[in-house]
Amino acid sequence: MSSQAMNGQSNPTTIAFFPLASRRDLVRRSAIELDRLNGYAATEFWKTTCRRLGNELLELGCPEDEMRAEIMDFQAAVQVELMWLHRGEAAQG
């Protein structure tokens, strides 16, 4: 057992990334903006947002496979938020 483990210290090179899908303000703002836009503008906003977030994670040292999973989870969270934004419209028919 290493001296770090015996002293209760974790590996100093391990970084825990706060999940993108749990960043409620980011998810909400992204859903609202995506809902406001249409067509090409919506597609460009979405691609730019996801690429920017992915690049931020990579710059912080996030492994690429983990970054991709984070982006997929973020996309799912935004889709759920979009459904919540329109729940009243669906109930009205």
C-alpha atoms as a PDB file:
ATOM      1  CA  MET A   1       0.000   0.000   0.000  1.00  0.00           C
ATOM      2  CA  SER A   2       1.345   3.413  -0.910  1.00  0.00           C
ATOM      3  CA  SER A   3       2.035   6.048   1.711  1.00  0.00           C
ATOM      4  CA  GLN A   4      -0.650   8.244   0.119  1.00  0.00           C
ATOM      5  CA  ALA A   5      -3.253   5.508   0.490  1.00  0.00           C
ATOM      6  CA  MET A   6      -2.208   4.859   4.093  1.00  0.00           C
ATOM      7  CA  ASN A   7      -2.578   8.567   4.885  1.00  0.00           C
ATOM      8  CA  GLY A   8      -6.049   8.706   3.313  1.00  0.00           C
ATOM      9  CA  GLN A   9      -4.907  10.829   0.376  1.00  0.00           C
ATOM     10  CA  SER A  10      -6.318  10.140  -3.035  1.00  0.00           C
ATOM     11  CA  ASN A  11      -4.324  10.179  -6.238  1.00  0.00           C
ATOM     12  CA  PRO A  12      -3.520  13.871  -6.830  1.00  0.00           C
ATOM     13  CA  THR A  13      -3.733  13.443 -10.616  1.00  0.00           C
ATOM     14  CA  THR A  14      -7.351  12.253 -10.514  1.00  0.00           C
ATOM     15  CA  ILE A  15      -9.808  14.971 -11.445  1.00  0.00           C
ATOM     16  CA  ALA A  16     -13.548  14.678 -10.871  1.00  0.00           C
ATOM     17  CA  PHE A  17     -15.570  16.638 -13.416  1.00  0.00           C
ATOM     18  CA  PHE A  18     -18.910  18.092 -12.368  1.00  0.00           C
ATOM     19  CA  PRO A  19     -21.414  16.442 -14.708  1.00  0.00           C
ATOM     20  CA  LEU A  20     -22.684  18.759 -17.450  1.00  0.00           C
ATOM     21  CA  ALA A  21     -26.166  17.279 -17.185  1.00  0.00           C
ATOM     22  CA  SER A  22     -26.288  18.348 -13.517  1.00  0.00           C
ATOM     23  CA  ARG A  23     -25.493  21.972 -14.301  1.00  0.00           C
ATOM     24  CA  ARG A  24     -29.154  23.019 -14.128  1.00  0.00           C
ATOM     25  CA  ASP A  25     -28.610  26.638 -15.156  1.00  0.00           C
ATOM     26  CA  LEU A  26     -26.587  25.599 -18.213  1.00  0.00           C
ATOM     27  CA  VAL A  27     -29.170  22.971 -19.201  1.00  0.00           C
ATOM     28  CA  ARG A  28     -32.057  25.403 -18.763  1.00  0.00           C
ATOM     29  CA  ARG A  29     -30.377  28.281 -20.632  1.00  0.00           C
ATOM     30  CA  SER A  30     -29.425  25.943 -23.475  1.00  0.00           C
ATOM     31  CA  ALA A  31     -32.963  24.569 -23.762  1.00  0.00           C
ATOM     32  CA  ILE A  32     -34.509  28.034 -23.776  1.00  0.00           C
ATOM     33  CA  GLU A  33     -32.094  29.278 -26.439  1.00  0.00           C
ATOM     34  CA  LEU A  34     -32.503  26.145 -28.549  1.00  0.00           C
ATOM     35  CA  ASP A  35     -36.283  26.474 -28.319  1.00  0.00           C
ATOM     36  CA  ARG A  36     -36.114  30.110 -29.408  1.00  0.00           C
ATOM     37  CA  LEU A  37     -34.104  29.305 -32.540  1.00  0.00           C
ATOM     38  CA  ASN A  38     -35.154  27.475 -35.694  1.00  0.00           C
ATOM     39  CA  GLY A  39     -33.471  25.681 -38.591  1.00  0.00           C
ATOM     40  CA  TYR A  40     -29.858  26.527 -39.344  1.00  0.00           C
ATOM     41  CA  ALA A  41     -29.499  28.899 -36.371  1.00  0.00           C
ATOM     42  CA  ALA A  42     -30.671  26.176 -33.963  1.00  0.00           C
ATOM     43  CA  THR A  43     -28.323  23.611 -35.499  1.00  0.00           C
ATOM     44  CA  GLU A  44     -25.352  25.979 -35.322  1.00  0.00           C
ATOM     45  CA  PHE A  45     -26.128  26.979 -31.737  1.00  0.00           C
ATOM     46  CA  TRP A  46     -26.355  23.329 -30.705  1.00  0.00           C
ATOM     47  CA  LYS A  47     -23.167  22.256 -32.487  1.00  0.00           C
ATOM     48  CA  THR A  48     -21.249  25.258 -31.144  1.00  0.00           C
ATOM     49  CA  THR A  49     -22.479  24.707 -27.580  1.00  0.00           C
ATOM     50  CA  CYS A  50     -21.636  21.000 -27.530  1.00  0.00           C
ATOM     51  CA  ARG A  51     -18.231  21.513 -29.148  1.00  0.00           C
ATOM     52  CA  ARG A  52     -17.370  24.306 -26.706  1.00  0.00           C
ATOM     53  CA  LEU A  53     -18.338  22.186 -23.706  1.00  0.00           C
ATOM     54  CA  GLY A  54     -16.452  19.191 -25.080  1.00  0.00           C
ATOM     55  CA  ASN A  55     -13.338  21.276 -25.682  1.00  0.00           C
ATOM     56  CA  GLU A  56     -13.542  22.725 -22.170  1.00  0.00           C
ATOM     57  CA  LEU A  57     -13.615  19.218 -20.707  1.00  0.00           C
ATOM     58  CA  LEU A  58     -10.709  18.074 -22.874  1.00  0.00           C
ATOM     59  CA  GLU A  59      -8.666  21.130 -21.853  1.00  0.00           C
ATOM     60  CA  LEU A  60      -9.283  20.209 -18.216  1.00  0.00           C
ATOM     61  CA  GLY A  61      -7.838  16.763 -18.879  1.00  0.00           C
ATOM     62  CA  CYS A  62     -11.051  14.814 -19.265  1.00  0.00           C
ATOM     63  CA  PRO A  63     -10.488  11.621 -21.287  1.00  0.00           C
ATOM     64  CA  GLU A  64     -12.176  11.739 -24.703  1.00  0.00           C
ATOM     65  CA  ASP A  65     -14.506   8.808 -24.055  1.00  0.00           C
ATOM     66  CA  GLU A  66     -15.672  10.399 -20.792  1.00  0.00           C
ATOM     67  CA  MET A  67     -16.099  13.763 -22.538  1.00  0.00           C
ATOM     68  CA  ARG A  68     -18.308  12.147 -25.182  1.00  0.00           C
ATOM     69  CA  ALA A  69     -20.441  10.505 -22.494  1.00  0.00           C
ATOM     70  CA  GLU A  70     -20.774  13.860 -20.703  1.00  0.00           C
ATOM     71  CA  ILE A  71     -21.932  15.545 -23.917  1.00  0.00           C
ATOM     72  CA  MET A  72     -24.472  12.781 -24.580  1.00  0.00           C
ATOM     73  CA  ASP A  73     -25.841  13.095 -21.023  1.00  0.00           C
ATOM     74  CA  PHE A  74     -25.992  16.883 -21.414  1.00  0.00           C
ATOM     75  CA  GLN A  75     -27.899  16.536 -24.691  1.00  0.00           C
ATOM     76  CA  ALA A  76     -30.401  14.202 -23.021  1.00  0.00           C
ATOM     77  CA  ALA A  77     -30.862  16.645 -20.120  1.00  0.00           C
ATOM     78  CA  VAL A  78     -31.543  19.509 -22.550  1.00  0.00           C
ATOM     79  CA  GLN A  79     -34.115  17.369 -24.386  1.00  0.00           C
ATOM     80  CA  VAL A  80     -35.894  16.645 -21.101  1.00  0.00           C
ATOM     81  CA  GLU A  81     -35.842  20.360 -20.266  1.00  0.00           C
ATOM     82  CA  LEU A  82     -37.348  21.148 -23.681  1.00  0.00           C
ATOM     83  CA  MET A  83     -40.163  18.695 -22.942  1.00  0.00           C
ATOM     84  CA  TRP A  84     -40.761  20.424 -19.585  1.00  0.00           C
ATOM     85  CA  LEU A  85     -40.877  23.808 -21.317  1.00  0.00           C
ATOM     86  CA  HIS A  86     -43.702  22.545 -23.530  1.00  0.00           C
ATOM     87  CA  ARG A  87     -45.589  20.365 -21.060  1.00  0.00           C
ATOM     88  CA  GLY A  88     -48.409  22.903 -20.742  1.00  0.00           C
ATOM     89  CA  GLU A  89     -48.880  23.066 -24.513  1.00  0.00           C
ATOM     90  CA  ALA A  90     -49.131  19.278 -24.756  1.00  0.00           C
ATOM     91  CA  ALA A  91     -51.763  19.161 -21.995  1.00  0.00           C
ATOM     92  CA  GLN A  92     -53.886  21.727 -23.811  1.00  0.00           C
ATOM     93  CA  GLY A  93     -53.872  19.652 -26.979  1.00  0.00           C
END
